PDB file of N, CA and C in Angstrom:
ATOM      1  N   MET A   1       1.932 -11.600 -30.037  1.00  0.00           N
ATOM      2  CA  MET A   1       1.285 -12.877 -30.128  1.00  0.00           C
ATOM      3  C   MET A   1       1.595 -13.485 -31.486  1.00  0.00           C
ATOM      4  N   ALA A   2       1.826 -14.724 -31.498  1.00  0.00           N
ATOM      5  CA  ALA A   2       2.148 -15.417 -32.739  1.00  0.00           C
ATOM      6  C   ALA A   2       0.888 -15.540 -33.593  1.00  0.00           C
ATOM      7  N   ASP A   3       1.101 -15.644 -34.891  1.00  0.00           N
ATOM      8  CA  ASP A   3      -0.020 -15.812 -35.805  1.00  0.00           C
ATOM      9  C   ASP A   3      -0.556 -17.235 -35.644  1.00  0.00           C
ATOM     10  N   VAL A   4      -1.768 -17.350 -35.138  1.00  0.00           N
ATOM     11  CA  VAL A   4      -2.363 -18.653 -34.858  1.00  0.00           C
ATOM     12  C   VAL A   4      -3.376 -18.965 -35.940  1.00  0.00           C
ATOM     13  N   GLN A   5      -3.268 -20.142 -36.507  1.00  0.00           N
ATOM     14  CA  GLN A   5      -4.228 -20.571 -37.522  1.00  0.00           C
ATOM     15  C   GLN A   5      -5.094 -21.671 -36.925  1.00  0.00           C
ATOM     16  N   LEU A   6      -6.367 -21.412 -36.901  1.00  0.00           N
ATOM     17  CA  LEU A   6      -7.325 -22.362 -36.343  1.00  0.00           C
ATOM     18  C   LEU A   6      -8.193 -22.874 -37.480  1.00  0.00           C
ATOM     19  N   LYS A   7      -7.926 -24.101 -37.905  1.00  0.00           N
ATOM     20  CA  LYS A   7      -8.650 -24.651 -39.059  1.00  0.00           C
ATOM     21  C   LYS A   7      -9.669 -25.706 -38.663  1.00  0.00           C
ATOM     22  N   THR A   8      -9.420 -26.392 -37.582  1.00  0.00           N
ATOM     23  CA  THR A   8     -10.331 -27.467 -37.184  1.00  0.00           C
ATOM     24  C   THR A   8     -10.798 -27.206 -35.753  1.00  0.00           C
ATOM     25  N   PRO A   9     -11.888 -27.816 -35.354  1.00  0.00           N
ATOM     26  CA  PRO A   9     -12.332 -27.673 -33.965  1.00  0.00           C
ATOM     27  C   PRO A   9     -11.293 -28.175 -32.966  1.00  0.00           C
ATOM     28  N   GLY A  10     -10.507 -29.151 -33.361  1.00  0.00           N
ATOM     29  CA  GLY A  10      -9.444 -29.644 -32.468  1.00  0.00           C
ATOM     30  C   GLY A  10      -8.374 -28.574 -32.248  1.00  0.00           C
ATOM     31  N   ASP A  11      -8.060 -27.790 -33.311  1.00  0.00           N
ATOM     32  CA  ASP A  11      -7.099 -26.697 -33.168  1.00  0.00           C
ATOM     33  C   ASP A  11      -7.627 -25.641 -32.194  1.00  0.00           C
ATOM     34  N   VAL A  12      -8.915 -25.339 -32.308  1.00  0.00           N
ATOM     35  CA  VAL A  12      -9.529 -24.347 -31.413  1.00  0.00           C
ATOM     36  C   VAL A  12      -9.489 -24.852 -29.978  1.00  0.00           C
ATOM     37  N   HIS A  13      -9.820 -26.134 -29.789  1.00  0.00           N
ATOM     38  CA  HIS A  13      -9.815 -26.711 -28.444  1.00  0.00           C
ATOM     39  C   HIS A  13      -8.405 -26.694 -27.853  1.00  0.00           C
ATOM     40  N   ALA A  14      -7.411 -27.030 -28.635  1.00  0.00           N
ATOM     41  CA  ALA A  14      -6.038 -27.022 -28.140  1.00  0.00           C
ATOM     42  C   ALA A  14      -5.579 -25.605 -27.806  1.00  0.00           C
ATOM     43  N   TYR A  15      -5.986 -24.660 -28.632  1.00  0.00           N
ATOM     44  CA  TYR A  15      -5.603 -23.266 -28.383  1.00  0.00           C
ATOM     45  C   TYR A  15      -6.258 -22.739 -27.102  1.00  0.00           C
ATOM     46  N   VAL A  16      -7.517 -23.072 -26.901  1.00  0.00           N
ATOM     47  CA  VAL A  16      -8.222 -22.638 -25.689  1.00  0.00           C
ATOM     48  C   VAL A  16      -7.600 -23.280 -24.457  1.00  0.00           C
ATOM     49  N   GLN A  17      -7.235 -24.542 -24.556  1.00  0.00           N
ATOM     50  CA  GLN A  17      -6.598 -25.225 -23.425  1.00  0.00           C
ATOM     51  C   GLN A  17      -5.243 -24.596 -23.095  1.00  0.00           C
ATOM     52  N   SER A  18      -4.502 -24.183 -24.119  1.00  0.00           N
ATOM     53  CA  SER A  18      -3.197 -23.557 -23.851  1.00  0.00           C
ATOM     54  C   SER A  18      -3.376 -22.186 -23.196  1.00  0.00           C
ATOM     55  N   LEU A  19      -4.440 -21.482 -23.580  1.00  0.00           N
ATOM     56  CA  LEU A  19      -4.706 -20.183 -22.945  1.00  0.00           C
ATOM     57  C   LEU A  19      -5.208 -20.350 -21.519  1.00  0.00           C
ATOM     58  N   ALA A  20      -5.905 -21.453 -21.235  1.00  0.00           N
ATOM     59  CA  ALA A  20      -6.447 -21.663 -19.894  1.00  0.00           C
ATOM     60  C   ALA A  20      -5.326 -21.868 -18.880  1.00  0.00           C
ATOM     61  N   GLY A  21      -4.197 -22.389 -19.304  1.00  0.00           N
ATOM     62  CA  GLY A  21      -3.099 -22.622 -18.378  1.00  0.00           C
ATOM     63  C   GLY A  21      -2.283 -21.370 -18.065  1.00  0.00           C
ATOM     64  N   ARG A  22      -2.478 -20.314 -18.826  1.00  0.00           N
ATOM     65  CA  ARG A  22      -1.721 -19.077 -18.590  1.00  0.00           C
ATOM     66  C   ARG A  22      -2.242 -18.333 -17.375  1.00  0.00           C
ATOM     67  N   ARG A  23      -1.342 -17.646 -16.700  1.00  0.00           N
ATOM     68  CA  ARG A  23      -1.750 -16.758 -15.606  1.00  0.00           C
ATOM     69  C   ARG A  23      -1.647 -15.329 -16.121  1.00  0.00           C
ATOM     70  N   VAL A  24      -2.772 -14.693 -16.271  1.00  0.00           N
ATOM     71  CA  VAL A  24      -2.812 -13.346 -16.832  1.00  0.00           C
ATOM     72  C   VAL A  24      -2.219 -12.340 -15.854  1.00  0.00           C
ATOM     73  N   GLU A  25      -2.287 -12.618 -14.576  1.00  0.00           N
ATOM     74  CA  GLU A  25      -1.779 -11.685 -13.576  1.00  0.00           C
ATOM     75  C   GLU A  25      -0.275 -11.461 -13.707  1.00  0.00           C
ATOM     76  N   ASP A  26       0.430 -12.418 -14.279  1.00  0.00           N
ATOM     77  CA  ASP A  26       1.880 -12.305 -14.404  1.00  0.00           C
ATOM     78  C   ASP A  26       2.315 -11.540 -15.655  1.00  0.00           C
ATOM     79  N   ASP A  27       1.385 -11.200 -16.510  1.00  0.00           N
ATOM     80  CA  ASP A  27       1.719 -10.488 -17.742  1.00  0.00           C
ATOM     81  C   ASP A  27       2.169  -9.062 -17.406  1.00  0.00           C
ATOM     82  N   PRO A  28       3.307  -8.595 -17.941  1.00  0.00           N
ATOM     83  CA  PRO A  28       3.803  -7.249 -17.604  1.00  0.00           C
ATOM     84  C   PRO A  28       2.844  -6.125 -18.010  1.00  0.00           C
ATOM     85  N   SER A  29       2.155  -6.286 -19.120  1.00  0.00           N
ATOM     86  CA  SER A  29       1.234  -5.223 -19.524  1.00  0.00           C
ATOM     87  C   SER A  29       0.045  -5.132 -18.569  1.00  0.00           C
ATOM     88  N   VAL A  30      -0.379  -6.268 -18.033  1.00  0.00           N
ATOM     89  CA  VAL A  30      -1.476  -6.254 -17.065  1.00  0.00           C
ATOM     90  C   VAL A  30      -1.031  -5.558 -15.784  1.00  0.00           C
ATOM     91  N   LYS A  31       0.204  -5.787 -15.365  1.00  0.00           N
ATOM     92  CA  LYS A  31       0.708  -5.109 -14.171  1.00  0.00           C
ATOM     93  C   LYS A  31       0.772  -3.601 -14.382  1.00  0.00           C
ATOM     94  N   ALA A  32       1.193  -3.177 -15.576  1.00  0.00           N
ATOM     95  CA  ALA A  32       1.274  -1.741 -15.862  1.00  0.00           C
ATOM     96  C   ALA A  32      -0.118  -1.113 -15.856  1.00  0.00           C
ATOM     97  N   TRP A  33      -1.090  -1.791 -16.472  1.00  0.00           N
ATOM     98  CA  TRP A  33      -2.447  -1.242 -16.491  1.00  0.00           C
ATOM     99  C   TRP A  33      -3.065  -1.236 -15.090  1.00  0.00           C
ATOM    100  N   ARG A  34      -2.748  -2.248 -14.304  1.00  0.00           N
ATOM    101  CA  ARG A  34      -3.267  -2.287 -12.935  1.00  0.00           C
ATOM    102  C   ARG A  34      -2.693  -1.123 -12.115  1.00  0.00           C
ATOM    103  N   LEU A  35      -1.405  -0.821 -12.302  1.00  0.00           N
ATOM    104  CA  LEU A  35      -0.789   0.318 -11.618  1.00  0.00           C
ATOM    105  C   LEU A  35      -1.427   1.626 -12.075  1.00  0.00           C
ATOM    106  N   ALA A  36      -1.678   1.756 -13.370  1.00  0.00           N
ATOM    107  CA  ALA A  36      -2.320   2.962 -13.889  1.00  0.00           C
ATOM    108  C   ALA A  36      -3.732   3.119 -13.313  1.00  0.00           C
ATOM    109  N   LYS A  37      -4.440   2.023 -13.203  1.00  0.00           N
ATOM    110  CA  LYS A  37      -5.803   2.060 -12.648  1.00  0.00           C
ATOM    111  C   LYS A  37      -5.785   2.475 -11.183  1.00  0.00           C
ATOM    112  N   GLN A  38      -4.883   1.900 -10.401  1.00  0.00           N
ATOM    113  CA  GLN A  38      -4.795   2.251  -8.990  1.00  0.00           C
ATOM    114  C   GLN A  38      -4.361   3.698  -8.802  1.00  0.00           C
ATOM    115  N   SER A  39      -3.439   4.162  -9.641  1.00  0.00           N
ATOM    116  CA  SER A  39      -2.999   5.558  -9.564  1.00  0.00           C
ATOM    117  C   SER A  39      -4.151   6.502  -9.903  1.00  0.00           C
ATOM    118  N   SER A  40      -4.935   6.137 -10.897  1.00  0.00           N
ATOM    119  CA  SER A  40      -6.088   6.967 -11.266  1.00  0.00           C
ATOM    120  C   SER A  40      -7.105   7.017 -10.127  1.00  0.00           C
ATOM    121  N   TYR A  41      -7.361   5.883  -9.521  1.00  0.00           N
ATOM    122  CA  TYR A  41      -8.289   5.857  -8.385  1.00  0.00           C
ATOM    123  C   TYR A  41      -7.783   6.720  -7.238  1.00  0.00           C
ATOM    124  N   LEU A  42      -6.491   6.648  -6.964  1.00  0.00           N
ATOM    125  CA  LEU A  42      -5.923   7.457  -5.890  1.00  0.00           C
ATOM    126  C   LEU A  42      -6.044   8.941  -6.219  1.00  0.00           C
ATOM    127  N   TYR A  43      -5.775   9.315  -7.460  1.00  0.00           N
ATOM    128  CA  TYR A  43      -5.886  10.711  -7.887  1.00  0.00           C
ATOM    129  C   TYR A  43      -7.321  11.206  -7.735  1.00  0.00           C
ATOM    130  N   VAL A  44      -8.293  10.408  -8.174  1.00  0.00           N
ATOM    131  CA  VAL A  44      -9.699  10.803  -8.059  1.00  0.00           C
ATOM    132  C   VAL A  44     -10.101  10.934  -6.596  1.00  0.00           C
ATOM    133  N   LEU A  45      -9.611  10.049  -5.752  1.00  0.00           N
ATOM    134  CA  LEU A  45      -9.924  10.118  -4.330  1.00  0.00           C
ATOM    135  C   LEU A  45      -9.373  11.389  -3.701  1.00  0.00           C
ATOM    136  N   VAL A  46      -8.129  11.737  -4.011  1.00  0.00           N
ATOM    137  CA  VAL A  46      -7.515  12.941  -3.445  1.00  0.00           C
ATOM    138  C   VAL A  46      -8.232  14.198  -3.935  1.00  0.00           C
ATOM    139  N   VAL A  47      -8.519  14.264  -5.220  1.00  0.00           N
ATOM    140  CA  VAL A  47      -9.210  15.440  -5.765  1.00  0.00           C
ATOM    141  C   VAL A  47     -10.616  15.554  -5.175  1.00  0.00           C
ATOM    142  N   SER A  48     -11.297  14.445  -5.005  1.00  0.00           N
ATOM    143  CA  SER A  48     -12.638  14.473  -4.405  1.00  0.00           C
ATOM    144  C   SER A  48     -12.584  14.977  -2.971  1.00  0.00           C
ATOM    145  N   PHE A  49     -11.595  14.528  -2.212  1.00  0.00           N
ATOM    146  CA  PHE A  49     -11.465  14.997  -0.838  1.00  0.00           C
ATOM    147  C   PHE A  49     -11.173  16.485  -0.800  1.00  0.00           C
ATOM    148  N   LEU A  50     -10.286  16.969  -1.669  1.00  0.00           N
ATOM    149  CA  LEU A  50      -9.967  18.399  -1.687  1.00  0.00           C
ATOM    150  C   LEU A  50     -11.177  19.238  -2.078  1.00  0.00           C
ATOM    151  N   LEU A  51     -11.965  18.772  -3.042  1.00  0.00           N
ATOM    152  CA  LEU A  51     -13.176  19.504  -3.415  1.00  0.00           C
ATOM    153  C   LEU A  51     -14.190  19.511  -2.275  1.00  0.00           C
ATOM    154  N   TYR A  52     -14.335  18.371  -1.597  1.00  0.00           N
ATOM    155  CA  TYR A  52     -15.235  18.309  -0.448  1.00  0.00           C
ATOM    156  C   TYR A  52     -14.778  19.281   0.634  1.00  0.00           C
ATOM    157  N   PHE A  53     -13.488  19.300   0.912  1.00  0.00           N
ATOM    158  CA  PHE A  53     -12.945  20.204   1.922  1.00  0.00           C
ATOM    159  C   PHE A  53     -13.164  21.655   1.515  1.00  0.00           C
ATOM    160  N   LEU A  54     -12.930  21.981   0.249  1.00  0.00           N
ATOM    161  CA  LEU A  54     -13.111  23.345  -0.233  1.00  0.00           C
ATOM    162  C   LEU A  54     -14.568  23.781  -0.124  1.00  0.00           C
ATOM    163  N   VAL A  55     -15.483  22.923  -0.515  1.00  0.00           N
ATOM    164  CA  VAL A  55     -16.904  23.260  -0.420  1.00  0.00           C
ATOM    165  C   VAL A  55     -17.301  23.427   1.041  1.00  0.00           C
ATOM    166  N   ASP A  56     -16.783  22.600   1.927  1.00  0.00           N
ATOM    167  CA  ASP A  56     -17.089  22.715   3.351  1.00  0.00           C
ATOM    168  C   ASP A  56     -16.576  24.034   3.910  1.00  0.00           C
ATOM    169  N   VAL A  57     -15.367  24.422   3.553  1.00  0.00           N
ATOM    170  CA  VAL A  57     -14.809  25.688   4.043  1.00  0.00           C
ATOM    171  C   VAL A  57     -15.614  26.865   3.514  1.00  0.00           C
ATOM    172  N   ILE A  58     -15.982  26.824   2.240  1.00  0.00           N
ATOM    173  CA  ILE A  58     -16.789  27.921   1.673  1.00  0.00           C
ATOM    174  C   ILE A  58     -18.160  27.980   2.354  1.00  0.00           C
ATOM    175  N   ASN A  59     -18.744  26.834   2.629  1.00  0.00           N
ATOM    176  CA  ASN A  59     -20.035  26.794   3.310  1.00  0.00           C
ATOM    177  C   ASN A  59     -19.928  27.386   4.710  1.00  0.00           C
ATOM    178  N   GLU A  60     -18.903  27.024   5.438  1.00  0.00           N
ATOM    179  CA  GLU A  60     -18.710  27.571   6.783  1.00  0.00           C
ATOM    180  C   GLU A  60     -18.469  29.077   6.732  1.00  0.00           C
ATOM    181  N   THR A  61     -17.708  29.526   5.745  1.00  0.00           N
ATOM    182  CA  THR A  61     -17.416  30.950   5.627  1.00  0.00           C
ATOM    183  C   THR A  61     -18.683  31.742   5.315  1.00  0.00           C
ATOM    184  N   LEU A  62     -19.501  31.224   4.431  1.00  0.00           N
ATOM    185  CA  LEU A  62     -20.718  31.939   4.068  1.00  0.00           C
ATOM    186  C   LEU A  62     -21.774  31.898   5.163  1.00  0.00           C
ATOM    187  N   SER A  63     -21.677  30.949   6.079  1.00  0.00           N
ATOM    188  CA  SER A  63     -22.675  30.866   7.140  1.00  0.00           C
ATOM    189  C   SER A  63     -22.301  31.712   8.356  1.00  0.00           C
ATOM    190  N   LEU A  64     -21.165  32.379   8.322  1.00  0.00           N
ATOM    191  CA  LEU A  64     -20.797  33.262   9.429  1.00  0.00           C
ATOM    192  C   LEU A  64     -21.723  34.474   9.447  1.00  0.00           C
ATOM    193  N   PRO A  65     -22.057  34.959  10.648  1.00  0.00           N
ATOM    194  CA  PRO A  65     -22.905  36.153  10.690  1.00  0.00           C
ATOM    195  C   PRO A  65     -22.120  37.372  10.204  1.00  0.00           C
ATOM    196  N   ALA A  66     -22.847  38.310   9.618  1.00  0.00           N
ATOM    197  CA  ALA A  66     -22.208  39.526   9.113  1.00  0.00           C
ATOM    198  C   ALA A  66     -21.887  40.445  10.280  1.00  0.00           C
ATOM    199  N   VAL A  67     -20.783  41.131  10.207  1.00  0.00           N
ATOM    200  CA  VAL A  67     -20.379  42.074  11.235  1.00  0.00           C
ATOM    201  C   VAL A  67     -20.281  43.446  10.581  1.00  0.00           C
ATOM    202  N   ASP A  68     -21.061  44.390  11.101  1.00  0.00           N
ATOM    203  CA  ASP A  68     -21.038  45.740  10.554  1.00  0.00           C
ATOM    204  C   ASP A  68     -20.193  46.623  11.458  1.00  0.00           C
ATOM    205  N   PHE A  69     -19.252  47.318  10.886  1.00  0.00           N
ATOM    206  CA  PHE A  69     -18.422  48.254  11.628  1.00  0.00           C
ATOM    207  C   PHE A  69     -18.825  49.665  11.227  1.00  0.00           C
ATOM    208  N   PRO A  70     -19.230  50.496  12.188  1.00  0.00           N
ATOM    209  CA  PRO A  70     -19.585  51.867  11.831  1.00  0.00           C
ATOM    210  C   PRO A  70     -18.321  52.643  11.448  1.00  0.00           C
ATOM    211  N   VAL A  71     -18.446  53.433  10.407  1.00  0.00           N
ATOM    212  CA  VAL A  71     -17.328  54.240   9.936  1.00  0.00           C
ATOM    213  C   VAL A  71     -17.717  55.689  10.132  1.00  0.00           C
ATOM    214  N   VAL A  72     -16.927  56.402  10.945  1.00  0.00           N
ATOM    215  CA  VAL A  72     -17.205  57.805  11.218  1.00  0.00           C
ATOM    216  C   VAL A  72     -16.369  58.640  10.261  1.00  0.00           C
ATOM    217  N   MET A  73     -17.072  59.465   9.483  1.00  0.00           N
ATOM    218  CA  MET A  73     -16.387  60.323   8.518  1.00  0.00           C
ATOM    219  C   MET A  73     -16.924  61.731   8.660  1.00  0.00           C
ATOM    220  N   LYS A  74     -16.135  62.713   8.217  1.00  0.00           N
ATOM    221  CA  LYS A  74     -16.655  64.081   8.226  1.00  0.00           C
ATOM    222  C   LYS A  74     -17.691  64.193   7.116  1.00  0.00           C
ATOM    223  N   PRO A  75     -18.618  65.111   7.272  1.00  0.00           N
ATOM    224  CA  PRO A  75     -19.680  65.210   6.278  1.00  0.00           C
ATOM    225  C   PRO A  75     -19.143  65.602   4.906  1.00  0.00           C
ATOM    226  N   ALA A  76     -19.808  65.160   3.893  1.00  0.00           N
ATOM    227  CA  ALA A  76     -19.412  65.473   2.522  1.00  0.00           C
ATOM    228  C   ALA A  76     -19.726  66.928   2.214  1.00  0.00           C
ATOM    229  N   PRO A  77     -18.984  67.533   1.290  1.00  0.00           N
ATOM    230  CA  PRO A  77     -19.279  68.920   0.940  1.00  0.00           C
ATOM    231  C   PRO A  77     -20.649  69.032   0.269  1.00  0.00           C
ATOM    232  N   ALA A  78     -21.147  70.240   0.239  1.00  0.00           N
ATOM    233  CA  ALA A  78     -22.468  70.462  -0.359  1.00  0.00           C
ATOM    234  C   ALA A  78     -22.442  70.064  -1.831  1.00  0.00           C
ATOM    235  N   GLY A  79     -23.526  69.620  -2.313  1.00  0.00           N
ATOM    236  CA  GLY A  79     -23.597  69.158  -3.695  1.00  0.00           C
ATOM    237  C   GLY A  79     -23.364  67.657  -3.750  1.00  0.00           C
ATOM    238  N   ASP A  80     -23.143  67.186  -4.915  1.00  0.00           N
ATOM    239  CA  ASP A  80     -22.963  65.746  -5.061  1.00  0.00           C
ATOM    240  C   ASP A  80     -21.500  65.336  -5.072  1.00  0.00           C
ATOM    241  N   GLY A  81     -20.584  66.287  -4.941  1.00  0.00           N
ATOM    242  CA  GLY A  81     -19.175  65.963  -4.840  1.00  0.00           C
ATOM    243  C   GLY A  81     -18.451  65.912  -6.152  1.00  0.00           C
ATOM    244  N   PHE A  82     -19.138  66.136  -7.253  1.00  0.00           N
ATOM    245  CA  PHE A  82     -18.490  66.121  -8.558  1.00  0.00           C
ATOM    246  C   PHE A  82     -18.275  67.553  -9.036  1.00  0.00           C
ATOM    247  N   GLN A  83     -17.150  67.800  -9.646  1.00  0.00           N
ATOM    248  CA  GLN A  83     -16.919  69.107 -10.248  1.00  0.00           C
ATOM    249  C   GLN A  83     -17.181  68.999 -11.732  1.00  0.00           C
ATOM    250  N   ARG A  84     -18.085  69.860 -12.187  1.00  0.00           N
ATOM    251  CA  ARG A  84     -18.408  69.853 -13.605  1.00  0.00           C
ATOM    252  C   ARG A  84     -17.493  70.838 -14.330  1.00  0.00           C
ATOM    253  N   PRO A  85     -17.110  70.518 -15.560  1.00  0.00           N
ATOM    254  CA  PRO A  85     -16.254  71.462 -16.279  1.00  0.00           C
ATOM    255  C   PRO A  85     -16.990  72.788 -16.514  1.00  0.00           C
ATOM    256  N   GLN A  86     -16.233  73.849 -16.426  1.00  0.00           N
ATOM    257  CA  GLN A  86     -16.811  75.179 -16.650  1.00  0.00           C
ATOM    258  C   GLN A  86     -17.088  75.366 -18.132  1.00  0.00           C
ATOM    259  N   ALA A  87     -18.146  76.085 -18.404  1.00  0.00           N
ATOM    260  CA  ALA A  87     -18.475  76.373 -19.806  1.00  0.00           C
ATOM    261  C   ALA A  87     -17.412  77.303 -20.366  1.00  0.00           C
ATOM    262  N   ASN A  88     -17.091  77.131 -21.626  1.00  0.00           N
ATOM    263  CA  ASN A  88     -16.077  77.953 -22.275  1.00  0.00           C
ATOM    264  C   ASN A  88     -16.603  79.381 -22.408  1.00  0.00           C
ATOM    265  N   SER A  89     -15.837  80.319 -21.928  1.00  0.00           N
ATOM    266  CA  SER A  89     -16.303  81.719 -21.935  1.00  0.00           C
ATOM    267  C   SER A  89     -15.987  82.419 -23.245  1.00  0.00           C
ATOM    268  N   VAL A  90     -15.327  81.779 -24.191  1.00  0.00           N
ATOM    269  CA  VAL A  90     -15.018  82.414 -25.464  1.00  0.00           C
ATOM    270  C   VAL A  90     -16.224  82.292 -26.370  1.00  0.00           C
ATOM    271  N   ARG A  91     -16.659  83.465 -26.888  1.00  0.00           N
ATOM    272  CA  ARG A  91     -17.812  83.469 -27.795  1.00  0.00           C
ATOM    273  C   ARG A  91     -17.353  83.303 -29.203  1.00  0.00           C
ATOM    274  N   ARG A  92     -18.108  82.629 -29.959  1.00  0.00           N
ATOM    275  CA  ARG A  92     -17.796  82.472 -31.377  1.00  0.00           C
ATOM    276  C   ARG A  92     -18.533  83.555 -32.161  1.00  0.00           C
ATOM    277  N   ARG A  93     -17.918  84.046 -33.183  1.00  0.00           N
ATOM    278  CA  ARG A  93     -18.552  85.069 -34.018  1.00  0.00           C
ATOM    279  C   ARG A  93     -19.151  84.495 -35.253  1.00  0.00           C
TER     280      ARG A  93
END
């Protein structure tokens, strides 16, 4: 933008009138920002849909009834199943 000097009310009025005739929609920077805004909205929409879908799938998965399958195994050996280390048989003098 050019350096504009506004010294009198007439200068301000002329400057405002010149700005009123401009079409802001045709400005290249406005087009770039509008594209960025639309892209951001699209990104937020897609991410929101994916999160909604993910939460729905998790909700459906957690609402499934539990299924218990019996497991037949041979009985465990006597005791608790752990082997304890043997005490050292060497005596100290």
